[in-house]
N, C-alpha and C. Protein backbone atom coordinates (compact mmCIF):
# COMPACT_ATOMS: atom_id res chain seq x y z
N UNK A 1 -11.70 -6.19 -7.18
CA UNK A 1 -11.05 -4.96 -6.74
C UNK A 1 -9.71 -5.30 -6.08
N UNK A 2 -8.68 -4.59 -6.46
CA UNK A 2 -7.37 -4.80 -5.85
C UNK A 2 -7.41 -4.34 -4.41
N UNK A 3 -6.78 -5.09 -3.59
CA UNK A 3 -6.74 -4.74 -2.17
C UNK A 3 -5.44 -4.07 -1.81
N UNK A 4 -5.53 -3.01 -0.99
CA UNK A 4 -4.31 -2.38 -0.49
C UNK A 4 -3.64 -3.23 0.56
N UNK A 5 -4.34 -4.23 1.08
CA UNK A 5 -3.80 -5.05 2.15
C UNK A 5 -3.19 -6.33 1.58
N UNK A 6 -2.11 -6.20 0.82
CA UNK A 6 -1.51 -7.36 0.21
C UNK A 6 -0.27 -7.83 0.93
N UNK A 7 0.06 -7.21 2.06
CA UNK A 7 1.18 -7.66 2.89
C UNK A 7 0.60 -8.41 4.08
N UNK A 8 0.96 -9.67 4.19
CA UNK A 8 0.43 -10.50 5.27
C UNK A 8 0.92 -9.98 6.61
N UNK A 9 -0.02 -9.73 7.52
CA UNK A 9 0.33 -9.22 8.84
C UNK A 9 0.88 -10.35 9.70
N UNK A 10 2.06 -10.15 10.26
CA UNK A 10 2.66 -11.12 11.15
C UNK A 10 2.90 -10.46 12.50
N UNK A 11 2.60 -11.17 13.57
CA UNK A 11 2.74 -10.58 14.89
C UNK A 11 4.20 -10.43 15.27
N UNK A 12 4.48 -9.33 15.93
CA UNK A 12 5.82 -9.11 16.46
C UNK A 12 5.75 -9.23 17.98
N UNK A 13 6.84 -8.91 18.64
CA UNK A 13 6.86 -8.96 20.10
C UNK A 13 6.11 -7.78 20.71
N UNK A 14 5.73 -6.81 19.84
CA UNK A 14 5.05 -5.63 20.33
C UNK A 14 3.55 -5.91 20.40
N UNK A 15 3.02 -6.10 21.61
CA UNK A 15 1.61 -6.43 21.75
C UNK A 15 1.08 -5.82 23.04
N UNK A 16 -0.02 -5.12 22.92
CA UNK A 16 -0.67 -4.52 24.08
C UNK A 16 -2.17 -4.77 23.94
N UNK A 17 -2.94 -4.29 24.90
CA UNK A 17 -4.39 -4.38 24.78
C UNK A 17 -4.87 -3.47 23.66
N UNK A 18 -6.02 -3.80 23.09
CA UNK A 18 -6.58 -3.00 22.02
C UNK A 18 -6.88 -1.59 22.51
N UNK A 19 -6.30 -0.57 21.87
CA UNK A 19 -6.56 0.81 22.30
C UNK A 19 -8.01 1.24 22.12
N UNK A 20 -8.77 0.56 21.26
CA UNK A 20 -10.16 0.99 21.03
C UNK A 20 -11.17 0.00 21.60
N UNK A 21 -10.72 -0.86 22.50
CA UNK A 21 -11.60 -1.88 23.05
C UNK A 21 -12.81 -1.28 23.77
N UNK A 22 -12.64 -0.11 24.38
CA UNK A 22 -13.73 0.48 25.15
C UNK A 22 -14.59 1.43 24.32
N UNK A 23 -14.24 1.65 23.07
CA UNK A 23 -15.03 2.53 22.20
C UNK A 23 -16.27 1.77 21.74
N UNK A 24 -17.47 2.39 21.81
CA UNK A 24 -18.68 1.71 21.34
C UNK A 24 -18.51 1.18 19.92
N UNK A 25 -19.10 0.02 19.63
CA UNK A 25 -18.88 -0.68 18.37
C UNK A 25 -19.14 0.18 17.15
N UNK A 26 -20.24 0.91 17.15
CA UNK A 26 -20.58 1.74 15.99
C UNK A 26 -19.54 2.83 15.78
N UNK A 27 -19.12 3.49 16.87
CA UNK A 27 -18.11 4.55 16.77
C UNK A 27 -16.76 3.96 16.36
N UNK A 28 -16.50 2.74 16.84
CA UNK A 28 -15.24 2.08 16.51
C UNK A 28 -15.12 1.84 15.01
N UNK A 29 -16.19 1.32 14.41
CA UNK A 29 -16.15 1.04 12.96
C UNK A 29 -16.05 2.33 12.16
N UNK A 30 -16.73 3.38 12.61
CA UNK A 30 -16.64 4.66 11.90
C UNK A 30 -15.23 5.21 11.95
N UNK A 31 -14.60 5.07 13.10
CA UNK A 31 -13.22 5.54 13.23
C UNK A 31 -12.29 4.76 12.29
N UNK A 32 -12.44 3.45 12.26
CA UNK A 32 -11.60 2.62 11.39
C UNK A 32 -11.81 2.95 9.92
N UNK A 33 -13.07 3.22 9.55
CA UNK A 33 -13.37 3.59 8.17
C UNK A 33 -12.80 4.96 7.81
N UNK A 34 -12.93 5.90 8.75
CA UNK A 34 -12.51 7.28 8.46
C UNK A 34 -10.99 7.46 8.46
N UNK A 35 -10.25 6.42 8.84
CA UNK A 35 -8.80 6.49 8.70
C UNK A 35 -8.41 6.73 7.25
N UNK A 36 -9.27 6.33 6.32
CA UNK A 36 -9.00 6.52 4.89
C UNK A 36 -8.85 7.98 4.52
N UNK A 37 -9.39 8.89 5.34
CA UNK A 37 -9.32 10.33 5.03
C UNK A 37 -8.00 10.97 5.47
N UNK A 38 -7.18 10.22 6.19
CA UNK A 38 -5.89 10.78 6.58
C UNK A 38 -4.96 10.85 5.37
N UNK A 39 -4.15 11.91 5.31
CA UNK A 39 -3.15 11.96 4.25
C UNK A 39 -1.86 11.30 4.76
N UNK A 40 -0.87 11.16 3.89
CA UNK A 40 0.32 10.42 4.26
C UNK A 40 1.12 11.10 5.37
N UNK A 41 1.13 12.42 5.39
CA UNK A 41 1.85 13.12 6.45
C UNK A 41 1.23 12.81 7.81
N UNK A 42 -0.10 12.80 7.87
CA UNK A 42 -0.82 12.50 9.11
C UNK A 42 -0.61 11.03 9.51
N UNK A 43 -0.63 10.15 8.53
CA UNK A 43 -0.43 8.72 8.79
C UNK A 43 0.97 8.46 9.33
N UNK A 44 1.98 9.06 8.70
CA UNK A 44 3.36 8.83 9.13
C UNK A 44 3.61 9.40 10.52
N UNK A 45 2.99 10.52 10.82
CA UNK A 45 3.14 11.10 12.15
C UNK A 45 2.62 10.15 13.22
N UNK A 46 1.45 9.54 12.98
CA UNK A 46 0.89 8.58 13.93
C UNK A 46 1.79 7.35 14.04
N UNK A 47 2.27 6.88 12.90
CA UNK A 47 3.13 5.70 12.90
C UNK A 47 4.41 5.95 13.68
N UNK A 48 5.00 7.11 13.51
CA UNK A 48 6.24 7.42 14.20
C UNK A 48 6.04 7.44 15.71
N UNK A 49 4.90 7.95 16.15
CA UNK A 49 4.63 8.02 17.59
C UNK A 49 4.41 6.65 18.21
N UNK A 50 3.97 5.69 17.40
CA UNK A 50 3.65 4.36 17.93
C UNK A 50 4.54 3.26 17.38
N UNK A 51 5.65 3.66 16.74
CA UNK A 51 6.63 2.70 16.21
C UNK A 51 5.99 1.70 15.24
N UNK A 52 5.08 2.20 14.42
CA UNK A 52 4.46 1.38 13.38
C UNK A 52 5.23 1.58 12.08
N UNK A 53 5.77 0.54 11.49
CA UNK A 53 6.60 0.70 10.29
C UNK A 53 5.79 1.16 9.08
N UNK A 54 6.39 2.03 8.29
CA UNK A 54 5.71 2.48 7.07
C UNK A 54 6.64 2.53 5.87
N UNK A 55 7.88 2.10 6.06
CA UNK A 55 8.82 2.04 4.94
C UNK A 55 9.09 0.58 4.55
N UNK A 56 9.52 0.42 3.32
CA UNK A 56 9.84 -0.91 2.80
C UNK A 56 11.28 -1.28 3.16
N UNK A 57 11.49 -2.54 3.47
CA UNK A 57 12.85 -3.05 3.65
C UNK A 57 13.12 -4.09 2.58
N UNK A 58 14.40 -4.27 2.29
CA UNK A 58 14.78 -5.31 1.33
C UNK A 58 15.86 -6.17 1.95
N UNK A 59 15.90 -7.42 1.53
CA UNK A 59 16.92 -8.35 1.98
C UNK A 59 18.11 -8.25 1.02
N UNK A 60 19.29 -8.16 1.57
CA UNK A 60 20.48 -8.10 0.73
C UNK A 60 20.91 -9.51 0.37
N UNK A 61 21.84 -9.61 -0.55
CA UNK A 61 22.33 -10.94 -0.97
C UNK A 61 23.04 -11.67 0.15
N UNK A 62 23.43 -10.93 1.20
CA UNK A 62 24.11 -11.55 2.33
C UNK A 62 23.14 -11.89 3.47
N UNK A 63 21.85 -11.66 3.24
CA UNK A 63 20.85 -12.03 4.23
C UNK A 63 20.44 -10.93 5.18
N UNK A 64 21.16 -9.82 5.18
CA UNK A 64 20.79 -8.70 6.05
C UNK A 64 19.62 -7.94 5.43
N UNK A 65 18.98 -7.13 6.23
CA UNK A 65 17.89 -6.30 5.71
C UNK A 65 18.30 -4.84 5.72
N UNK A 66 17.75 -4.12 4.78
CA UNK A 66 18.09 -2.71 4.64
C UNK A 66 16.82 -1.92 4.41
N UNK A 67 16.63 -0.86 5.17
CA UNK A 67 15.43 -0.04 5.02
C UNK A 67 15.60 0.91 3.84
N UNK A 68 14.61 0.91 2.96
CA UNK A 68 14.62 1.81 1.82
C UNK A 68 13.85 3.08 2.19
N UNK A 69 14.12 4.16 1.49
CA UNK A 69 13.40 5.41 1.75
C UNK A 69 11.98 5.35 1.21
N UNK A 70 11.72 4.38 0.33
CA UNK A 70 10.41 4.29 -0.29
C UNK A 70 9.36 3.86 0.72
N UNK A 71 8.25 4.57 0.73
CA UNK A 71 7.17 4.26 1.67
C UNK A 71 6.26 3.17 1.12
N UNK A 72 5.65 2.44 2.02
CA UNK A 72 4.70 1.42 1.63
C UNK A 72 3.42 2.07 1.11
N UNK A 73 2.55 1.26 0.55
CA UNK A 73 1.26 1.74 0.06
C UNK A 73 0.39 2.23 1.21
N UNK A 74 -0.41 3.24 0.93
CA UNK A 74 -1.28 3.81 1.96
C UNK A 74 -2.18 2.75 2.58
N UNK A 75 -2.78 1.90 1.74
CA UNK A 75 -3.69 0.88 2.25
C UNK A 75 -3.00 -0.10 3.18
N UNK A 76 -1.77 -0.45 2.88
CA UNK A 76 -1.01 -1.38 3.71
C UNK A 76 -0.72 -0.76 5.07
N UNK A 77 -0.29 0.50 5.05
CA UNK A 77 0.03 1.18 6.32
C UNK A 77 -1.22 1.35 7.16
N UNK A 78 -2.33 1.72 6.54
CA UNK A 78 -3.58 1.88 7.28
C UNK A 78 -4.01 0.57 7.92
N UNK A 79 -3.80 -0.53 7.24
CA UNK A 79 -4.19 -1.81 7.83
C UNK A 79 -3.28 -2.19 8.99
N UNK A 80 -2.03 -1.72 8.98
CA UNK A 80 -1.17 -1.91 10.15
C UNK A 80 -1.73 -1.11 11.32
N UNK A 81 -2.15 0.13 11.04
CA UNK A 81 -2.73 0.96 12.09
C UNK A 81 -3.99 0.32 12.64
N UNK A 82 -4.82 -0.24 11.75
CA UNK A 82 -6.05 -0.90 12.20
C UNK A 82 -5.74 -2.12 13.07
N UNK A 83 -4.70 -2.87 12.70
CA UNK A 83 -4.31 -4.03 13.53
C UNK A 83 -3.87 -3.56 14.91
N UNK A 84 -3.14 -2.46 14.96
CA UNK A 84 -2.68 -1.91 16.24
C UNK A 84 -3.87 -1.45 17.08
N UNK A 85 -4.82 -0.75 16.45
CA UNK A 85 -5.97 -0.24 17.18
C UNK A 85 -6.91 -1.34 17.64
N UNK A 86 -7.10 -2.36 16.81
CA UNK A 86 -8.07 -3.40 17.12
C UNK A 86 -7.50 -4.50 18.02
N UNK A 87 -6.22 -4.83 17.83
CA UNK A 87 -5.65 -5.99 18.51
C UNK A 87 -4.46 -5.66 19.39
N UNK A 88 -3.99 -4.42 19.34
CA UNK A 88 -2.79 -4.08 20.08
C UNK A 88 -1.54 -4.72 19.50
N UNK A 89 -1.61 -5.10 18.22
CA UNK A 89 -0.51 -5.79 17.55
C UNK A 89 0.07 -4.87 16.48
N UNK A 90 1.38 -4.84 16.37
CA UNK A 90 2.03 -4.08 15.31
C UNK A 90 2.60 -5.07 14.29
N UNK A 91 2.00 -5.18 13.12
CA UNK A 91 2.52 -6.11 12.10
C UNK A 91 3.90 -5.69 11.62
N UNK A 92 4.67 -6.67 11.17
CA UNK A 92 6.00 -6.39 10.66
C UNK A 92 5.93 -5.56 9.38
N UNK A 93 7.01 -4.87 9.10
CA UNK A 93 7.05 -4.08 7.88
C UNK A 93 7.28 -4.98 6.67
N UNK A 94 6.99 -4.45 5.51
CA UNK A 94 7.19 -5.18 4.27
C UNK A 94 8.67 -5.41 4.03
N UNK A 95 9.03 -6.63 3.71
CA UNK A 95 10.43 -6.94 3.40
C UNK A 95 10.45 -7.82 2.15
N UNK A 96 11.08 -7.31 1.09
CA UNK A 96 11.20 -8.08 -0.14
C UNK A 96 12.48 -8.92 -0.09
N UNK A 97 12.36 -10.19 -0.42
CA UNK A 97 13.52 -11.09 -0.38
C UNK A 97 14.52 -10.71 -1.47
N UNK A 98 15.75 -11.12 -1.28
CA UNK A 98 16.82 -10.77 -2.21
C UNK A 98 16.55 -11.28 -3.61
N UNK A 99 15.80 -12.37 -3.74
CA UNK A 99 15.58 -12.94 -5.07
C UNK A 99 14.66 -12.11 -5.95
N UNK A 100 13.98 -11.12 -5.37
CA UNK A 100 13.12 -10.27 -6.20
C UNK A 100 13.69 -8.85 -6.32
N UNK A 101 14.90 -8.65 -5.81
CA UNK A 101 15.51 -7.32 -5.79
C UNK A 101 16.69 -7.26 -6.75
N UNK A 102 16.69 -6.26 -7.61
CA UNK A 102 17.82 -6.06 -8.52
C UNK A 102 17.76 -4.62 -9.02
N UNK A 103 18.85 -3.91 -8.85
CA UNK A 103 18.91 -2.52 -9.29
C UNK A 103 19.74 -2.39 -10.56
N UNK A 104 19.45 -1.36 -11.31
CA UNK A 104 20.14 -1.15 -12.57
C UNK A 104 19.34 -1.74 -13.72
N UNK A 105 19.30 -1.04 -14.83
CA UNK A 105 18.49 -1.46 -15.97
C UNK A 105 19.31 -2.27 -16.97
N UNK A 106 18.67 -3.22 -17.61
CA UNK A 106 19.33 -3.99 -18.67
C UNK A 106 19.27 -3.19 -19.96
N UNK A 107 20.26 -3.34 -20.84
CA UNK A 107 20.27 -2.58 -22.10
C UNK A 107 19.05 -2.85 -22.97
N UNK A 108 18.65 -4.12 -23.06
CA UNK A 108 17.51 -4.50 -23.88
C UNK A 108 16.58 -5.38 -23.06
N UNK A 109 15.30 -5.02 -23.03
CA UNK A 109 14.33 -5.82 -22.30
C UNK A 109 13.57 -6.73 -23.26
N UNK A 110 13.33 -7.95 -22.81
CA UNK A 110 12.54 -8.90 -23.60
C UNK A 110 11.35 -9.34 -22.76
N UNK A 111 10.32 -9.91 -23.39
CA UNK A 111 9.15 -10.37 -22.63
C UNK A 111 9.47 -11.39 -21.55
N UNK A 112 10.60 -12.11 -21.71
CA UNK A 112 10.96 -13.14 -20.74
C UNK A 112 11.90 -12.64 -19.64
N UNK A 113 12.33 -11.38 -19.72
CA UNK A 113 13.09 -10.80 -18.62
C UNK A 113 12.18 -10.62 -17.42
N UNK A 114 12.78 -10.55 -16.24
CA UNK A 114 11.97 -10.47 -15.02
C UNK A 114 11.86 -9.04 -14.51
N UNK A 115 10.70 -8.78 -13.93
CA UNK A 115 10.44 -7.46 -13.35
C UNK A 115 10.83 -7.49 -11.88
N UNK A 116 12.01 -6.97 -11.58
CA UNK A 116 12.51 -6.97 -10.21
C UNK A 116 12.16 -5.66 -9.50
N UNK A 117 12.08 -5.74 -8.17
CA UNK A 117 12.02 -4.52 -7.40
C UNK A 117 13.36 -3.80 -7.59
N UNK A 118 13.30 -2.54 -7.91
CA UNK A 118 14.51 -1.80 -8.21
C UNK A 118 14.65 -1.53 -9.69
N UNK A 119 13.84 -2.26 -10.49
CA UNK A 119 13.87 -2.05 -11.94
C UNK A 119 12.55 -1.53 -12.49
N UNK A 120 11.54 -1.48 -11.62
CA UNK A 120 10.27 -0.92 -12.09
C UNK A 120 10.39 0.60 -12.07
N UNK A 121 10.47 1.17 -13.25
CA UNK A 121 10.71 2.60 -13.37
C UNK A 121 9.79 3.16 -14.44
N UNK A 122 8.80 3.95 -14.02
CA UNK A 122 7.82 4.46 -14.99
C UNK A 122 8.44 5.41 -16.01
N UNK A 123 9.65 5.91 -15.73
CA UNK A 123 10.31 6.78 -16.70
C UNK A 123 11.11 5.98 -17.74
N UNK A 124 11.17 4.67 -17.56
CA UNK A 124 11.86 3.80 -18.52
C UNK A 124 10.94 3.56 -19.72
N UNK A 125 11.17 4.27 -20.79
CA UNK A 125 10.30 4.18 -21.95
C UNK A 125 10.28 2.78 -22.55
N UNK A 126 11.43 2.12 -22.51
CA UNK A 126 11.50 0.77 -23.08
C UNK A 126 10.60 -0.19 -22.30
N UNK A 127 10.61 -0.08 -20.97
CA UNK A 127 9.78 -0.94 -20.15
C UNK A 127 8.30 -0.68 -20.41
N UNK A 128 7.92 0.60 -20.44
CA UNK A 128 6.52 0.94 -20.68
C UNK A 128 6.10 0.48 -22.07
N UNK A 129 6.96 0.66 -23.06
CA UNK A 129 6.63 0.23 -24.43
C UNK A 129 6.45 -1.28 -24.49
N UNK A 130 7.30 -2.01 -23.79
CA UNK A 130 7.19 -3.47 -23.77
C UNK A 130 5.87 -3.91 -23.15
N UNK A 131 5.49 -3.29 -22.02
CA UNK A 131 4.24 -3.66 -21.36
C UNK A 131 3.04 -3.25 -22.20
N UNK A 132 3.12 -2.14 -22.89
CA UNK A 132 2.03 -1.76 -23.80
C UNK A 132 1.90 -2.77 -24.93
N UNK A 133 3.05 -3.21 -25.45
CA UNK A 133 3.03 -4.20 -26.53
C UNK A 133 2.38 -5.49 -26.07
N UNK A 134 2.69 -5.92 -24.83
CA UNK A 134 2.15 -7.19 -24.32
C UNK A 134 0.71 -7.08 -23.89
N UNK A 135 0.16 -5.87 -23.83
CA UNK A 135 -1.25 -5.68 -23.43
C UNK A 135 -2.06 -5.00 -24.53
N UNK A 136 -1.59 -5.11 -25.76
CA UNK A 136 -2.29 -4.50 -26.90
C UNK A 136 -2.52 -3.00 -26.71
N UNK A 137 -1.51 -2.33 -26.16
CA UNK A 137 -1.57 -0.89 -26.01
C UNK A 137 -2.33 -0.40 -24.80
N UNK A 138 -2.81 -1.30 -23.95
CA UNK A 138 -3.68 -0.90 -22.84
C UNK A 138 -2.92 -0.49 -21.58
N UNK A 139 -1.69 -0.94 -21.39
CA UNK A 139 -1.01 -0.75 -20.12
C UNK A 139 -0.89 0.71 -19.73
N UNK A 140 -1.15 0.98 -18.45
CA UNK A 140 -0.95 2.30 -17.85
C UNK A 140 -0.19 2.12 -16.54
N UNK A 141 0.78 2.98 -16.33
CA UNK A 141 1.51 2.93 -15.06
C UNK A 141 0.72 3.72 -14.03
N UNK A 142 -0.07 3.03 -13.25
CA UNK A 142 -0.88 3.68 -12.23
C UNK A 142 -0.87 2.87 -10.95
N UNK A 143 -1.82 3.16 -10.08
CA UNK A 143 -1.86 2.49 -8.78
C UNK A 143 -2.05 0.98 -8.92
N UNK A 144 -2.87 0.57 -9.88
CA UNK A 144 -3.11 -0.87 -10.06
C UNK A 144 -1.81 -1.59 -10.40
N UNK A 145 -1.02 -1.02 -11.29
CA UNK A 145 0.26 -1.63 -11.67
C UNK A 145 1.21 -1.70 -10.47
N UNK A 146 1.27 -0.61 -9.70
CA UNK A 146 2.15 -0.57 -8.54
C UNK A 146 1.76 -1.59 -7.48
N UNK A 147 0.47 -1.70 -7.21
CA UNK A 147 -0.01 -2.68 -6.22
C UNK A 147 0.27 -4.09 -6.70
N UNK A 148 0.00 -4.34 -7.97
CA UNK A 148 0.21 -5.67 -8.53
C UNK A 148 1.67 -6.09 -8.44
N UNK A 149 2.57 -5.18 -8.79
CA UNK A 149 4.00 -5.50 -8.71
C UNK A 149 4.39 -5.87 -7.29
N UNK A 150 3.90 -5.12 -6.32
CA UNK A 150 4.26 -5.39 -4.93
C UNK A 150 3.63 -6.68 -4.42
N UNK A 151 2.47 -7.03 -4.97
CA UNK A 151 1.88 -8.32 -4.60
C UNK A 151 2.80 -9.46 -5.02
N UNK A 152 3.34 -9.37 -6.23
CA UNK A 152 4.29 -10.38 -6.70
C UNK A 152 5.52 -10.42 -5.78
N UNK A 153 6.12 -9.26 -5.54
CA UNK A 153 7.37 -9.21 -4.77
C UNK A 153 7.16 -9.69 -3.34
N UNK A 154 5.99 -9.37 -2.77
CA UNK A 154 5.69 -9.80 -1.41
C UNK A 154 5.62 -11.32 -1.33
N UNK A 155 5.15 -11.95 -2.41
CA UNK A 155 5.09 -13.42 -2.45
C UNK A 155 6.44 -14.04 -2.79
N UNK A 156 7.46 -13.19 -2.96
CA UNK A 156 8.78 -13.69 -3.30
C UNK A 156 8.95 -14.02 -4.76
N UNK A 157 8.12 -13.41 -5.63
CA UNK A 157 8.17 -13.68 -7.06
C UNK A 157 8.55 -12.44 -7.84
N UNK A 158 9.43 -12.63 -8.81
CA UNK A 158 9.75 -11.57 -9.77
C UNK A 158 9.21 -12.05 -11.11
N UNK A 159 8.05 -11.60 -11.53
CA UNK A 159 7.41 -12.14 -12.74
C UNK A 159 8.15 -11.72 -14.00
N UNK A 160 8.00 -12.51 -15.05
CA UNK A 160 8.48 -12.05 -16.35
C UNK A 160 7.55 -10.93 -16.80
N UNK A 161 7.99 -10.16 -17.76
CA UNK A 161 7.12 -9.10 -18.27
C UNK A 161 5.87 -9.70 -18.91
N UNK A 162 5.99 -10.86 -19.52
CA UNK A 162 4.82 -11.55 -20.06
C UNK A 162 3.83 -11.86 -18.94
N UNK A 163 4.32 -12.42 -17.84
CA UNK A 163 3.46 -12.78 -16.72
C UNK A 163 2.83 -11.54 -16.09
N UNK A 164 3.63 -10.50 -15.94
CA UNK A 164 3.12 -9.27 -15.33
C UNK A 164 2.04 -8.64 -16.21
N UNK A 165 2.26 -8.62 -17.52
CA UNK A 165 1.28 -8.04 -18.43
C UNK A 165 -0.04 -8.78 -18.36
N UNK A 166 0.02 -10.13 -18.34
CA UNK A 166 -1.20 -10.93 -18.25
C UNK A 166 -1.93 -10.69 -16.93
N UNK A 167 -1.15 -10.60 -15.84
CA UNK A 167 -1.75 -10.36 -14.52
C UNK A 167 -2.36 -8.97 -14.45
N UNK A 168 -1.72 -7.99 -15.11
CA UNK A 168 -2.26 -6.63 -15.10
C UNK A 168 -3.59 -6.57 -15.84
N UNK A 169 -3.69 -7.25 -16.96
CA UNK A 169 -4.96 -7.27 -17.70
C UNK A 169 -6.07 -7.89 -16.84
N UNK A 170 -5.74 -8.97 -16.13
CA UNK A 170 -6.72 -9.61 -15.26
C UNK A 170 -7.11 -8.68 -14.11
N UNK A 171 -6.11 -8.01 -13.51
CA UNK A 171 -6.40 -7.10 -12.41
C UNK A 171 -7.30 -5.95 -12.86
N UNK A 172 -7.08 -5.44 -14.06
CA UNK A 172 -7.91 -4.35 -14.57
C UNK A 172 -9.34 -4.80 -14.80
N UNK A 173 -9.52 -6.04 -15.21
CA UNK A 173 -10.88 -6.56 -15.41
C UNK A 173 -11.61 -6.68 -14.07
N UNK A 174 -10.86 -7.00 -13.03
CA UNK A 174 -11.46 -7.22 -11.71
C UNK A 174 -11.59 -5.93 -10.90
N UNK A 175 -10.84 -4.91 -11.29
CA UNK A 175 -10.82 -3.66 -10.51
C UNK A 175 -12.00 -2.78 -10.95
N UNK A 176 -13.15 -3.00 -10.33
CA UNK A 176 -14.37 -2.31 -10.75
C UNK A 176 -14.75 -1.13 -9.86
N UNK A 177 -14.04 -0.93 -8.76
CA UNK A 177 -14.33 0.19 -7.85
C UNK A 177 -13.04 0.63 -7.19
N UNK A 178 -12.96 1.91 -6.81
CA UNK A 178 -11.73 2.40 -6.15
C UNK A 178 -11.49 1.69 -4.83
N UNK A 179 -10.23 1.53 -4.47
CA UNK A 179 -9.91 1.01 -3.15
C UNK A 179 -10.38 1.99 -2.08
N UNK A 180 -10.84 1.50 -0.94
CA UNK A 180 -11.37 2.39 0.10
C UNK A 180 -10.38 3.47 0.54
N UNK A 181 -9.07 3.14 0.56
CA UNK A 181 -8.10 4.14 1.02
C UNK A 181 -7.94 5.30 0.04
N UNK A 182 -8.44 5.15 -1.17
CA UNK A 182 -8.44 6.26 -2.13
C UNK A 182 -9.71 7.06 -1.86
N UNK A 183 -9.73 7.77 -0.76
CA UNK A 183 -10.96 8.37 -0.23
C UNK A 183 -11.68 9.25 -1.25
N UNK A 184 -10.95 10.11 -1.95
CA UNK A 184 -11.60 11.00 -2.90
C UNK A 184 -12.28 10.21 -4.01
N UNK A 185 -11.56 9.24 -4.57
CA UNK A 185 -12.12 8.45 -5.66
C UNK A 185 -13.32 7.63 -5.19
N UNK A 186 -13.23 7.10 -3.97
CA UNK A 186 -14.35 6.34 -3.41
C UNK A 186 -15.58 7.23 -3.24
N UNK A 187 -15.36 8.44 -2.69
CA UNK A 187 -16.48 9.37 -2.51
C UNK A 187 -17.05 9.81 -3.85
N UNK A 188 -16.18 10.02 -4.83
CA UNK A 188 -16.66 10.44 -6.14
C UNK A 188 -17.50 9.34 -6.79
N UNK A 189 -17.07 8.07 -6.59
CA UNK A 189 -17.82 6.95 -7.14
C UNK A 189 -19.21 6.85 -6.51
N UNK A 190 -19.31 7.29 -5.24
CA UNK A 190 -20.61 7.27 -4.55
C UNK A 190 -21.39 8.56 -4.77
N UNK A 191 -20.81 9.50 -5.49
CA UNK A 191 -21.46 10.78 -5.71
C UNK A 191 -21.39 11.69 -4.50
N UNK A 192 -20.41 11.45 -3.62
CA UNK A 192 -20.31 12.22 -2.37
C UNK A 192 -19.13 13.17 -2.36
N UNK A 193 -18.43 13.30 -3.48
CA UNK A 193 -17.26 14.19 -3.52
C UNK A 193 -17.64 15.51 -4.17
N UNK A 194 -18.21 16.39 -3.39
CA UNK A 194 -18.62 17.70 -3.90
C UNK A 194 -17.45 18.65 -4.03
N UNK A 195 -17.77 19.91 -4.35
CA UNK A 195 -16.72 20.90 -4.57
C UNK A 195 -15.95 21.24 -3.29
N UNK A 196 -16.55 20.94 -2.14
CA UNK A 196 -15.89 21.22 -0.86
C UNK A 196 -15.27 19.96 -0.26
N UNK A 197 -14.89 19.01 -1.12
CA UNK A 197 -14.39 17.73 -0.60
C UNK A 197 -13.13 17.92 0.24
N UNK A 198 -12.26 18.85 -0.13
CA UNK A 198 -11.04 19.07 0.64
C UNK A 198 -11.36 19.50 2.07
N UNK A 199 -12.40 20.31 2.22
CA UNK A 199 -12.83 20.71 3.56
C UNK A 199 -13.39 19.51 4.31
N UNK A 200 -14.14 18.67 3.59
CA UNK A 200 -14.69 17.46 4.19
C UNK A 200 -13.55 16.57 4.68
N UNK A 201 -12.52 16.38 3.84
CA UNK A 201 -11.38 15.54 4.23
C UNK A 201 -10.70 16.10 5.46
N UNK A 202 -10.46 17.40 5.45
CA UNK A 202 -9.77 18.04 6.57
C UNK A 202 -10.59 17.89 7.86
N UNK A 203 -11.89 18.03 7.75
CA UNK A 203 -12.76 17.92 8.93
C UNK A 203 -12.75 16.49 9.47
N UNK A 204 -12.88 15.52 8.58
CA UNK A 204 -12.88 14.12 9.01
C UNK A 204 -11.51 13.73 9.58
N UNK A 205 -10.45 14.18 8.93
CA UNK A 205 -9.10 13.86 9.41
C UNK A 205 -8.86 14.44 10.80
N UNK A 206 -9.30 15.69 11.00
CA UNK A 206 -9.13 16.33 12.30
C UNK A 206 -9.88 15.57 13.39
N UNK A 207 -11.08 15.09 13.05
CA UNK A 207 -11.88 14.33 14.00
C UNK A 207 -11.21 13.00 14.34
N UNK A 208 -10.67 12.34 13.32
CA UNK A 208 -9.98 11.07 13.53
C UNK A 208 -8.75 11.27 14.41
N UNK A 209 -7.95 12.27 14.10
CA UNK A 209 -6.73 12.52 14.85
C UNK A 209 -7.02 12.88 16.31
N UNK A 210 -8.06 13.65 16.51
CA UNK A 210 -8.45 14.01 17.87
C UNK A 210 -8.83 12.76 18.66
N UNK A 211 -9.61 11.89 18.02
CA UNK A 211 -10.05 10.65 18.68
C UNK A 211 -8.85 9.74 18.96
N UNK A 212 -7.94 9.64 18.00
CA UNK A 212 -6.77 8.80 18.18
C UNK A 212 -5.90 9.31 19.31
N UNK A 213 -5.77 10.62 19.41
CA UNK A 213 -4.96 11.21 20.49
C UNK A 213 -5.55 10.93 21.85
N UNK A 214 -6.88 10.74 21.90
CA UNK A 214 -7.55 10.45 23.17
C UNK A 214 -7.40 9.00 23.60
N UNK A 215 -7.38 8.08 22.59
CA UNK A 215 -7.43 6.66 22.94
C UNK A 215 -6.15 5.89 22.67
N UNK A 216 -5.23 6.47 21.92
CA UNK A 216 -4.00 5.75 21.59
C UNK A 216 -2.79 6.63 21.90
N UNK A 217 -2.44 6.68 23.14
CA UNK A 217 -1.29 7.49 23.56
C UNK A 217 -0.03 6.64 23.53
N UNK A 218 1.09 7.22 23.07
CA UNK A 218 2.36 6.45 23.03
C UNK A 218 2.74 5.94 24.41
């Protein structure tokens, strides 16, 4: 199963006592699990109040960093929140090195061209066609592909399309269950996503937010 936590957490100077240290262990784990029911608007609101990064940064060719408007993956952001709640630590935001960043499309793509951050574009028919060709027609631009690409870039690698296609096939073979942060899909896989699932999500999210407001004040 692909993990949403593919960005290595590194400690910053921001460190306090664990906000949930006094919460009973059973309640603590339930709270951490139920974070998956928060939507992105709720997650970003909490992050903004506690200075937890949720956007991607890139390194420029001159060594400076620049914040992009693109948000990180839900699973990555939730794991930053969990680190803050459990350890009082705020992990650094995702930063892709300059060697994996390149904007603008090439006129013709070949299997040996590299997949850079800034060039992965699901609307690029040529790119999608190339990846389908390298995967015997199986490639789909979905969450698995997006997570896999970011795993490469986070490691400082811009794979060739051949390498990415092979890695995608392997990831699809290993991805046998939804990631926990995909709450609806996880509940559906367990047979727990009934017709009132939206109400269930809203109820769980409200409970989580209420608890967070009690124990994690800015």
